[in-house]
PDB file of N, CA and C in Angstrom:
ATOM      1  N   MET A   1       0.651  -1.356   0.045  1.00  0.00           N
ATOM      2  CA  MET A   1       0.258  -0.376  -0.023  1.00  0.00           C
ATOM      3  C   MET A   1       0.941   1.825   0.297  1.00  0.00           C
ATOM      4  N   PRO A   2       0.221   2.081  -1.069  1.00  0.00           N
ATOM      5  CA  PRO A   2       1.342   3.172  -0.657  1.00  0.00           C
ATOM      6  C   PRO A   2       1.352   4.336   0.196  1.00  0.00           C
ATOM      7  N   THR A   3       2.681   4.445   0.858  1.00  0.00           N
ATOM      8  CA  THR A   3       1.829   6.360   2.047  1.00  0.00           C
ATOM      9  C   THR A   3       2.433   7.157   1.530  1.00  0.00           C
ATOM     10  N   PHE A   4       1.741   7.675   2.073  1.00  0.00           N
ATOM     11  CA  PHE A   4       2.372   9.102   1.367  1.00  0.00           C
ATOM     12  C   PHE A   4       3.129  10.393   2.848  1.00  0.00           C
ATOM     13  N   ASN A   5       3.924  10.819   3.035  1.00  0.00           N
ATOM     14  CA  ASN A   5       4.291  11.377   4.642  1.00  0.00           C
ATOM     15  C   ASN A   5       4.468  12.664   4.516  1.00  0.00           C
ATOM     16  N   SER A   6       5.541  13.419   4.633  1.00  0.00           N
ATOM     17  CA  SER A   6       5.362  14.977   4.668  1.00  0.00           C
ATOM     18  C   SER A   6       6.678  15.345   3.470  1.00  0.00           C
ATOM     19  N   GLU A   7       7.696  14.440   4.023  1.00  0.00           N
ATOM     20  CA  GLU A   7       9.039  14.433   2.804  1.00  0.00           C
ATOM     21  C   GLU A   7       8.382  14.091   1.193  1.00  0.00           C
ATOM     22  N   GLU A   8       7.144  13.080   1.352  1.00  0.00           N
ATOM     23  CA  GLU A   8       7.509  12.936   0.038  1.00  0.00           C
ATOM     24  C   GLU A   8       6.979  13.931  -0.632  1.00  0.00           C
ATOM     25  N   VAL A   9       5.079  14.669  -0.129  1.00  0.00           N
ATOM     26  CA  VAL A   9       4.875  15.419  -0.838  1.00  0.00           C
ATOM     27  C   VAL A   9       5.598  16.540  -0.788  1.00  0.00           C
ATOM     28  N   ALA A  10       6.548  16.817  -0.268  1.00  0.00           N
ATOM     29  CA  ALA A  10       8.453  18.240  -0.156  1.00  0.00           C
ATOM     30  C   ALA A  10       8.898  17.638  -1.555  1.00  0.00           C
ATOM     31  N   ARG A  11       9.050  16.320  -1.986  1.00  0.00           N
ATOM     32  CA  ARG A  11       9.528  16.727  -2.749  1.00  0.00           C
ATOM     33  C   ARG A  11       9.088  16.127  -4.248  1.00  0.00           C
ATOM     34  N   LEU A  12       8.194  16.169  -4.206  1.00  0.00           N
ATOM     35  CA  LEU A  12       7.706  15.792  -5.027  1.00  0.00           C
ATOM     36  C   LEU A  12       6.754  17.512  -5.704  1.00  0.00           C
ATOM     37  N   ALA A  13       6.558  18.586  -4.691  1.00  0.00           N
ATOM     38  CA  ALA A  13       6.432  19.657  -5.067  1.00  0.00           C
ATOM     39  C   ALA A  13       6.915  20.374  -5.023  1.00  0.00           C
ATOM     40  N   ALA A  14       8.519  20.139  -4.532  1.00  0.00           N
ATOM     41  CA  ALA A  14      10.545  20.390  -5.545  1.00  0.00           C
ATOM     42  C   ALA A  14       9.956  20.551  -6.778  1.00  0.00           C
ATOM     43  N   LEU A  15       9.427  18.855  -7.333  1.00  0.00           N
ATOM     44  CA  LEU A  15       9.600  19.207  -8.662  1.00  0.00           C
ATOM     45  C   LEU A  15       8.692  19.689  -9.492  1.00  0.00           C
ATOM     46  N   ALA A  16       7.545  19.669  -8.905  1.00  0.00           N
ATOM     47  CA  ALA A  16       7.011  21.433  -9.404  1.00  0.00           C
ATOM     48  C   ALA A  16       7.127  22.100  -9.487  1.00  0.00           C
ATOM     49  N   ARG A  17       8.237  22.288  -8.275  1.00  0.00           N
ATOM     50  CA  ARG A  17       8.328  24.081  -8.604  1.00  0.00           C
ATOM     51  C   ARG A  17       6.925  25.026  -7.498  1.00  0.00           C
ATOM     52  N   ILE A  18       6.588  24.450  -6.657  1.00  0.00           N
ATOM     53  CA  ILE A  18       5.373  25.363  -5.423  1.00  0.00           C
ATOM     54  C   ILE A  18       6.007  24.500  -4.243  1.00  0.00           C
ATOM     55  N   ASP A  19       5.692  25.667  -4.734  1.00  0.00           N
ATOM     56  CA  ASP A  19       6.268  26.158  -2.643  1.00  0.00           C
ATOM     57  C   ASP A  19       5.151  25.984  -1.861  1.00  0.00           C
ATOM     58  N   LEU A  20       4.621  24.746  -0.803  1.00  0.00           N
ATOM     59  CA  LEU A  20       3.962  24.827   0.158  1.00  0.00           C
ATOM     60  C   LEU A  20       4.226  24.875   2.028  1.00  0.00           C
ATOM     61  N   THR A  21       3.746  25.776   1.984  1.00  0.00           N
ATOM     62  CA  THR A  21       3.865  25.511   3.883  1.00  0.00           C
ATOM     63  C   THR A  21       3.871  24.357   4.384  1.00  0.00           C
ATOM     64  N   PRO A  22       4.375  23.528   5.702  1.00  0.00           N
ATOM     65  CA  PRO A  22       4.124  22.551   6.175  1.00  0.00           C
ATOM     66  C   PRO A  22       2.986  22.307   7.231  1.00  0.00           C
ATOM     67  N   ASP A  23       1.831  23.624   7.433  1.00  0.00           N
ATOM     68  CA  ASP A  23       0.815  22.263   6.982  1.00  0.00           C
ATOM     69  C   ASP A  23       0.289  22.129   6.154  1.00  0.00           C
ATOM     70  N   GLU A  24       0.878  22.664   4.708  1.00  0.00           N
ATOM     71  CA  GLU A  24       0.065  22.283   3.550  1.00  0.00           C
ATOM     72  C   GLU A  24       0.824  20.847   3.404  1.00  0.00           C
ATOM     73  N   LEU A  25       2.081  20.505   3.336  1.00  0.00           N
ATOM     74  CA  LEU A  25       2.712  19.199   3.465  1.00  0.00           C
ATOM     75  C   LEU A  25       1.945  18.741   4.097  1.00  0.00           C
ATOM     76  N   THR A  26       1.612  18.527   5.184  1.00  0.00           N
ATOM     77  CA  THR A  26       0.705  17.345   6.125  1.00  0.00           C
ATOM     78  C   THR A  26      -0.376  17.334   5.559  1.00  0.00           C
ATOM     79  N   ARG A  27      -1.062  18.321   5.435  1.00  0.00           N
ATOM     80  CA  ARG A  27      -2.815  18.489   4.507  1.00  0.00           C
ATOM     81  C   ARG A  27      -2.828  16.854   3.185  1.00  0.00           C
ATOM     82  N   PHE A  28      -2.366  18.105   2.566  1.00  0.00           N
ATOM     83  CA  PHE A  28      -1.676  17.050   0.535  1.00  0.00           C
ATOM     84  C   PHE A  28      -1.031  15.633   1.317  1.00  0.00           C
ATOM     85  N   ALA A  29      -0.356  14.555   2.447  1.00  0.00           N
ATOM     86  CA  ALA A  29      -0.406  14.085   2.586  1.00  0.00           C
ATOM     87  C   ALA A  29      -1.383  13.156   3.025  1.00  0.00           C
ATOM     88  N   GLY A  30      -2.067  14.170   3.762  1.00  0.00           N
ATOM     89  CA  GLY A  30      -3.739  13.061   4.170  1.00  0.00           C
ATOM     90  C   GLY A  30      -4.203  12.527   2.231  1.00  0.00           C
ATOM     91  N   GLU A  31      -4.253  14.404   2.215  1.00  0.00           N
ATOM     92  CA  GLU A  31      -5.246  13.939   0.994  1.00  0.00           C
ATOM     93  C   GLU A  31      -4.739  12.726  -0.063  1.00  0.00           C
ATOM     94  N   LEU A  32      -3.460  12.553  -0.348  1.00  0.00           N
ATOM     95  CA  LEU A  32      -3.133  11.615  -0.797  1.00  0.00           C
ATOM     96  C   LEU A  32      -2.663  10.825  -0.640  1.00  0.00           C
ATOM     97  N   GLU A  33      -2.487  10.009   0.761  1.00  0.00           N
ATOM     98  CA  GLU A  33      -2.839   8.834   1.112  1.00  0.00           C
ATOM     99  C   GLU A  33      -4.405   8.683   0.810  1.00  0.00           C
ATOM    100  N   VAL A  34      -5.584   9.508   1.207  1.00  0.00           N
ATOM    101  CA  VAL A  34      -7.245   8.765   0.303  1.00  0.00           C
ATOM    102  C   VAL A  34      -7.162   8.795  -0.596  1.00  0.00           C
ATOM    103  N   ILE A  35      -6.406   9.314  -1.888  1.00  0.00           N
ATOM    104  CA  ILE A  35      -7.118   9.293  -2.440  1.00  0.00           C
ATOM    105  C   ILE A  35      -6.277   7.800  -3.809  1.00  0.00           C
ATOM    106  N   ALA A  36      -5.102   7.969  -2.422  1.00  0.00           N
ATOM    107  CA  ALA A  36      -3.794   6.102  -3.314  1.00  0.00           C
ATOM    108  C   ALA A  36      -4.879   5.019  -3.038  1.00  0.00           C
ATOM    109  N   GLN A  37      -5.864   5.491  -1.819  1.00  0.00           N
ATOM    110  CA  GLN A  37      -6.653   4.186  -0.997  1.00  0.00           C
ATOM    111  C   GLN A  37      -7.845   3.603  -1.959  1.00  0.00           C
ATOM    112  N   ALA A  38      -8.389   4.883  -2.116  1.00  0.00           N
ATOM    113  CA  ALA A  38      -9.192   4.722  -3.348  1.00  0.00           C
ATOM    114  C   ALA A  38      -9.162   4.108  -4.361  1.00  0.00           C
ATOM    115  N   VAL A  39      -7.874   3.869  -5.335  1.00  0.00           N
ATOM    116  CA  VAL A  39      -7.325   3.916  -6.029  1.00  0.00           C
ATOM    117  C   VAL A  39      -6.798   2.649  -6.577  1.00  0.00           C
ATOM    118  N   GLU A  40      -6.475   1.873  -4.749  1.00  0.00           N
ATOM    119  CA  GLU A  40      -6.116   1.129  -4.776  1.00  0.00           C
ATOM    120  C   GLU A  40      -7.516  -0.731  -4.324  1.00  0.00           C
ATOM    121  N   LYS A  41      -8.526   0.499  -4.273  1.00  0.00           N
ATOM    122  CA  LYS A  41      -9.816  -0.158  -3.762  1.00  0.00           C
ATOM    123  C   LYS A  41      -9.674  -0.335  -4.929  1.00  0.00           C
ATOM    124  N   VAL A  42     -10.182   0.608  -6.336  1.00  0.00           N
ATOM    125  CA  VAL A  42     -10.833  -0.242  -7.490  1.00  0.00           C
ATOM    126  C   VAL A  42     -10.180  -1.051  -8.619  1.00  0.00           C
ATOM    127  N   SER A  43      -8.343  -0.851  -8.313  1.00  0.00           N
ATOM    128  CA  SER A  43      -7.664  -1.818  -8.867  1.00  0.00           C
ATOM    129  C   SER A  43      -7.727  -2.956  -8.859  1.00  0.00           C
ATOM    130  N   ALA A  44      -7.975  -3.032  -6.888  1.00  0.00           N
ATOM    131  CA  ALA A  44      -8.861  -4.353  -6.257  1.00  0.00           C
ATOM    132  C   ALA A  44      -9.677  -5.613  -7.359  1.00  0.00           C
ATOM    133  N   ILE A  45     -10.930  -4.408  -7.243  1.00  0.00           N
ATOM    134  CA  ILE A  45     -11.723  -4.826  -8.090  1.00  0.00           C
ATOM    135  C   ILE A  45     -11.972  -4.678  -9.364  1.00  0.00           C
ATOM    136  N   ALA A  46     -11.582  -4.333 -10.453  1.00  0.00           N
ATOM    137  CA  ALA A  46     -11.082  -4.451 -11.454  1.00  0.00           C
ATOM    138  C   ALA A  46     -10.544  -5.890 -12.179  1.00  0.00           C
ATOM    139  N   THR A  47     -10.950  -6.515 -12.414  1.00  0.00           N
ATOM    140  CA  THR A  47     -10.875  -7.368 -12.767  1.00  0.00           C
ATOM    141  C   THR A  47     -10.527  -8.018 -14.557  1.00  0.00           C
ATOM    142  N   ASP A  48      -9.806  -9.175 -15.351  1.00  0.00           N
ATOM    143  CA  ASP A  48     -10.043  -8.983 -16.219  1.00  0.00           C
ATOM    144  C   ASP A  48     -11.159  -9.001 -17.319  1.00  0.00           C
ATOM    145  N   ASP A  49     -11.782  -9.931 -16.920  1.00  0.00           N
ATOM    146  CA  ASP A  49     -13.547  -9.733 -16.990  1.00  0.00           C
ATOM    147  C   ASP A  49     -13.759  -8.162 -18.110  1.00  0.00           C
ATOM    148  N   VAL A  50     -13.169  -7.635 -17.021  1.00  0.00           N
ATOM    149  CA  VAL A  50     -13.892  -5.637 -16.673  1.00  0.00           C
ATOM    150  C   VAL A  50     -13.052  -5.090 -17.832  1.00  0.00           C
ATOM    151  N   PRO A  51     -13.653  -4.748 -19.070  1.00  0.00           N
ATOM    152  CA  PRO A  51     -13.139  -4.043 -19.960  1.00  0.00           C
ATOM    153  C   PRO A  51     -12.648  -2.793 -19.476  1.00  0.00           C
ATOM    154  N   ALA A  52     -11.521  -1.601 -19.435  1.00  0.00           N
ATOM    155  CA  ALA A  52     -11.587  -0.772 -19.541  1.00  0.00           C
ATOM    156  C   ALA A  52     -12.857   0.385 -20.093  1.00  0.00           C
ATOM    157  N   THR A  53     -12.675   1.108 -19.557  1.00  0.00           N
ATOM    158  CA  THR A  53     -13.733   2.714 -19.701  1.00  0.00           C
ATOM    159  C   THR A  53     -13.278   4.222 -19.372  1.00  0.00           C
ATOM    160  N   SER A  54     -13.595   4.374 -20.120  1.00  0.00           N
ATOM    161  CA  SER A  54     -13.257   6.065 -19.952  1.00  0.00           C
ATOM    162  C   SER A  54     -14.495   7.045 -19.930  1.00  0.00           C
ATOM    163  N   HIS A  55     -15.679   6.279 -20.021  1.00  0.00           N
ATOM    164  CA  HIS A  55     -17.287   6.203 -19.910  1.00  0.00           C
ATOM    165  C   HIS A  55     -18.313   5.752 -19.173  1.00  0.00           C
ATOM    166  N   PRO A  56     -18.781   6.136 -18.525  1.00  0.00           N
ATOM    167  CA  PRO A  56     -20.031   5.180 -17.921  1.00  0.00           C
ATOM    168  C   PRO A  56     -20.710   4.566 -19.787  1.00  0.00           C
ATOM    169  N   ILE A  57     -20.881   5.288 -20.347  1.00  0.00           N
ATOM    170  CA  ILE A  57     -22.407   5.778 -21.587  1.00  0.00           C
ATOM    171  C   ILE A  57     -20.972   5.566 -22.585  1.00  0.00           C
ATOM    172  N   PRO A  58     -21.311   3.996 -23.196  1.00  0.00           N
ATOM    173  CA  PRO A  58     -21.272   4.671 -24.768  1.00  0.00           C
ATOM    174  C   PRO A  58     -20.869   6.243 -25.296  1.00  0.00           C
ATOM    175  N   LEU A  59     -20.161   7.051 -26.418  1.00  0.00           N
ATOM    176  CA  LEU A  59     -20.578   7.982 -26.601  1.00  0.00           C
ATOM    177  C   LEU A  59     -20.607   7.757 -28.267  1.00  0.00           C
ATOM    178  N   THR A  60     -20.928   8.850 -28.460  1.00  0.00           N
ATOM    179  CA  THR A  60     -21.467   8.339 -30.563  1.00  0.00           C
ATOM    180  C   THR A  60     -21.128  10.027 -31.073  1.00  0.00           C
ATOM    181  N   ASN A  61     -20.444   9.569 -32.372  1.00  0.00           N
ATOM    182  CA  ASN A  61     -20.541  11.137 -33.123  1.00  0.00           C
ATOM    183  C   ASN A  61     -21.203  11.965 -32.708  1.00  0.00           C
ATOM    184  N   VAL A  62     -21.304  12.827 -31.944  1.00  0.00           N
ATOM    185  CA  VAL A  62     -21.973  14.439 -31.911  1.00  0.00           C
ATOM    186  C   VAL A  62     -21.341  15.649 -33.157  1.00  0.00           C
ATOM    187  N   TYR A  63     -20.643  15.574 -34.616  1.00  0.00           N
ATOM    188  CA  TYR A  63     -20.726  15.916 -34.725  1.00  0.00           C
ATOM    189  C   TYR A  63     -21.966  16.500 -36.534  1.00  0.00           C
ATOM    190  N   ARG A  64     -21.532  16.793 -36.756  1.00  0.00           N
ATOM    191  CA  ARG A  64     -22.787  17.124 -37.943  1.00  0.00           C
ATOM    192  C   ARG A  64     -22.087  16.759 -39.064  1.00  0.00           C
ATOM    193  N   GLU A  65     -22.667  16.703 -40.920  1.00  0.00           N
ATOM    194  CA  GLU A  65     -22.466  16.554 -41.542  1.00  0.00           C
ATOM    195  C   GLU A  65     -20.912  18.187 -42.085  1.00  0.00           C
ATOM    196  N   ASP A  66     -20.207  18.447 -42.247  1.00  0.00           N
ATOM    197  CA  ASP A  66     -19.676  19.560 -43.413  1.00  0.00           C
ATOM    198  C   ASP A  66     -20.523  19.659 -44.143  1.00  0.00           C
ATOM    199  N   VAL A  67     -21.365  20.631 -44.535  1.00  0.00           N
ATOM    200  CA  VAL A  67     -22.187  21.461 -46.062  1.00  0.00           C
ATOM    201  C   VAL A  67     -21.541  22.763 -46.212  1.00  0.00           C
ATOM    202  N   VAL A  68     -21.097  22.718 -47.615  1.00  0.00           N
ATOM    203  CA  VAL A  68     -21.546  24.037 -47.932  1.00  0.00           C
ATOM    204  C   VAL A  68     -22.415  25.087 -47.765  1.00  0.00           C
ATOM    205  N   SER A  69     -22.366  26.132 -47.185  1.00  0.00           N
ATOM    206  CA  SER A  69     -22.777  26.998 -47.349  1.00  0.00           C
ATOM    207  C   SER A  69     -23.062  28.022 -48.047  1.00  0.00           C
ATOM    208  N   ASP A  70     -23.381  29.319 -47.964  1.00  0.00           N
ATOM    209  CA  ASP A  70     -23.753  30.598 -48.215  1.00  0.00           C
ATOM    210  C   ASP A  70     -22.035  31.333 -47.406  1.00  0.00           C
ATOM    211  N   VAL A  71     -21.683  31.828 -47.614  1.00  0.00           N
ATOM    212  CA  VAL A  71     -19.478  32.737 -47.409  1.00  0.00           C
ATOM    213  C   VAL A  71     -20.626  34.038 -47.461  1.00  0.00           C
ATOM    214  N   VAL A  72     -20.285  34.355 -46.196  1.00  0.00           N
ATOM    215  CA  VAL A  72     -20.973  35.867 -46.008  1.00  0.00           C
ATOM    216  C   VAL A  72     -19.147  36.339 -46.910  1.00  0.00           C
ATOM    217  N   ASP A  73     -19.402  37.967 -47.541  1.00  0.00           N
ATOM    218  CA  ASP A  73     -18.338  38.623 -48.174  1.00  0.00           C
ATOM    219  C   ASP A  73     -17.411  38.999 -46.667  1.00  0.00           C
ATOM    220  N   ARG A  74     -15.836  38.668 -46.792  1.00  0.00           N
ATOM    221  CA  ARG A  74     -14.681  39.302 -46.034  1.00  0.00           C
ATOM    222  C   ARG A  74     -15.433  41.220 -45.652  1.00  0.00           C
ATOM    223  N   ASP A  75     -14.950  41.148 -47.284  1.00  0.00           N
ATOM    224  CA  ASP A  75     -15.114  43.543 -46.442  1.00  0.00           C
ATOM    225  C   ASP A  75     -16.178  43.986 -46.095  1.00  0.00           C
ATOM    226  N   GLU A  76     -17.334  42.929 -45.860  1.00  0.00           N
ATOM    227  CA  GLU A  76     -18.991  43.537 -45.388  1.00  0.00           C
ATOM    228  C   GLU A  76     -19.003  43.360 -44.410  1.00  0.00           C
ATOM    229  N   VAL A  77     -18.138  41.677 -43.851  1.00  0.00           N
ATOM    230  CA  VAL A  77     -17.623  41.392 -42.412  1.00  0.00           C
ATOM    231  C   VAL A  77     -16.784  42.856 -41.860  1.00  0.00           C
ATOM    232  N   LEU A  78     -15.951  42.825 -42.156  1.00  0.00           N
ATOM    233  CA  LEU A  78     -15.469  43.919 -42.227  1.00  0.00           C
ATOM    234  C   LEU A  78     -15.455  45.217 -42.070  1.00  0.00           C
ATOM    235  N   ALA A  79     -16.135  46.201 -42.770  1.00  0.00           N
ATOM    236  CA  ALA A  79     -17.215  46.852 -42.558  1.00  0.00           C
ATOM    237  C   ALA A  79     -17.321  47.583 -41.931  1.00  0.00           C
ATOM    238  N   SER A  80     -18.565  46.441 -40.627  1.00  0.00           N
ATOM    239  CA  SER A  80     -19.130  45.922 -39.580  1.00  0.00           C
ATOM    240  C   SER A  80     -18.263  46.328 -38.226  1.00  0.00           C
ATOM    241  N   ALA A  81     -16.565  45.513 -38.680  1.00  0.00           N
ATOM    242  CA  ALA A  81     -16.198  45.659 -37.537  1.00  0.00           C
ATOM    243  C   ALA A  81     -15.232  47.158 -36.890  1.00  0.00           C
ATOM    244  N   PRO A  82     -15.046  47.210 -35.823  1.00  0.00           N
ATOM    245  CA  PRO A  82     -14.379  48.878 -35.183  1.00  0.00           C
ATOM    246  C   PRO A  82     -13.437  49.717 -35.942  1.00  0.00           C
ATOM    247  N   ALA A  83     -12.682  48.300 -36.119  1.00  0.00           N
ATOM    248  CA  ALA A  83     -11.705  48.873 -37.111  1.00  0.00           C
ATOM    249  C   ALA A  83     -10.629  47.402 -37.506  1.00  0.00           C
ATOM    250  N   SER A  84      -9.934  47.467 -38.597  1.00  0.00           N
ATOM    251  CA  SER A  84      -8.891  46.583 -39.836  1.00  0.00           C
ATOM    252  C   SER A  84      -8.370  47.303 -40.695  1.00  0.00           C
ATOM    253  N   GLN A  85      -7.731  46.362 -40.754  1.00  0.00           N
ATOM    254  CA  GLN A  85      -6.053  46.512 -41.902  1.00  0.00           C
ATOM    255  C   GLN A  85      -6.032  45.157 -41.992  1.00  0.00           C
ATOM    256  N   ASP A  86      -5.859  45.574 -43.195  1.00  0.00           N
ATOM    257  CA  ASP A  86      -4.628  44.744 -45.035  1.00  0.00           C
ATOM    258  C   ASP A  86      -5.796  43.192 -44.523  1.00  0.00           C
ATOM    259  N   GLY A  87      -7.404  43.939 -44.420  1.00  0.00           N
ATOM    260  CA  GLY A  87      -8.267  42.251 -45.160  1.00  0.00           C
ATOM    261  C   GLY A  87      -8.739  41.660 -43.771  1.00  0.00           C
ATOM    262  N   LYS A  88      -7.873  42.102 -42.492  1.00  0.00           N
ATOM    263  CA  LYS A  88      -8.011  41.277 -41.567  1.00  0.00           C
ATOM    264  C   LYS A  88      -8.869  42.657 -40.277  1.00  0.00           C
ATOM    265  N   PHE A  89      -8.467  41.783 -38.894  1.00  0.00           N
ATOM    266  CA  PHE A  89     -10.222  42.502 -38.448  1.00  0.00           C
ATOM    267  C   PHE A  89      -8.561  43.137 -37.203  1.00  0.00           C
ATOM    268  N   LEU A  90      -8.876  44.752 -36.725  1.00  0.00           N
ATOM    269  CA  LEU A  90      -7.948  44.946 -35.519  1.00  0.00           C
ATOM    270  C   LEU A  90      -8.069  45.351 -34.240  1.00  0.00           C
ATOM    271  N   VAL A  91      -7.484  44.753 -33.731  1.00  0.00           N
ATOM    272  CA  VAL A  91      -7.996  44.529 -32.206  1.00  0.00           C
ATOM    273  C   VAL A  91      -6.561  45.215 -31.030  1.00  0.00           C
ATOM    274  N   PRO A  92      -6.768  45.959 -30.171  1.00  0.00           N
ATOM    275  CA  PRO A  92      -5.857  46.632 -29.693  1.00  0.00           C
ATOM    276  C   PRO A  92      -4.381  45.464 -28.936  1.00  0.00           C
ATOM    277  N   GLN A  93      -3.662  46.361 -28.972  1.00  0.00           N
ATOM    278  CA  GLN A  93      -2.634  45.595 -28.661  1.00  0.00           C
ATOM    279  C   GLN A  93      -2.766  44.681 -26.567  1.00  0.00           C
ATOM    280  N   ILE A  94      -2.387  43.637 -26.282  1.00  0.00           N
ATOM    281  CA  ILE A  94      -2.547  43.677 -24.571  1.00  0.00           C
ATOM    282  C   ILE A  94      -1.730  42.683 -24.181  1.00  0.00           C
ATOM    283  N   LEU A  95      -0.611  42.678 -24.870  1.00  0.00           N
ATOM    284  CA  LEU A  95       0.429  41.755 -24.248  1.00  0.00           C
ATOM    285  C   LEU A  95       1.871  42.509 -24.115  1.00  0.00           C
ATOM    286  N   GLY A  96       1.601  43.380 -24.765  1.00  0.00           N
ATOM    287  CA  GLY A  96       2.994  44.596 -24.340  1.00  0.00           C
ATOM    288  C   GLY A  96       4.086  44.054 -25.164  1.00  0.00           C
ATOM    289  N   GLU A  97       3.812  43.457 -26.233  1.00  0.00           N
ATOM    290  CA  GLU A  97       4.710  42.584 -26.963  1.00  0.00           C
ATOM    291  C   GLU A  97       4.990  43.430 -28.209  1.00  0.00           C
ATOM    292  N   GLU A  98       5.720  43.509 -28.845  1.00  0.00           N
ATOM    293  CA  GLU A  98       6.253  44.689 -30.196  1.00  0.00           C
ATOM    294  C   GLU A  98       5.283  44.116 -31.378  1.00  0.00           C
ATOM    295  N   ALA A  99       4.908  45.563 -32.080  1.00  0.00           N
ATOM    296  CA  ALA A  99       3.929  44.821 -33.556  1.00  0.00           C
ATOM    297  C   ALA A  99       4.065  44.055 -34.218  1.00  0.00           C
TER     298      ALA A  99
END
């Protein structure tokens, strides 16, 4: 049975570059222990005759068929935009990068 202690959580946090307080290390060790026990229970129940599933209900393709339809004229769309340049929407710069 896997066991998680504060030292193991501190090692994992260091690998992930996450700073945790001593209280958080203790709390997360307990939470990870509960998760590990739950996984162990599921692993004990799972057998070779039970297929692995990602969903309890089978999924079907929910996409529609690709159908060619009328295309909106680009110039007409850009004419209703607040600003455009070189046939594209012109939006304010938000990341502070050089244009």
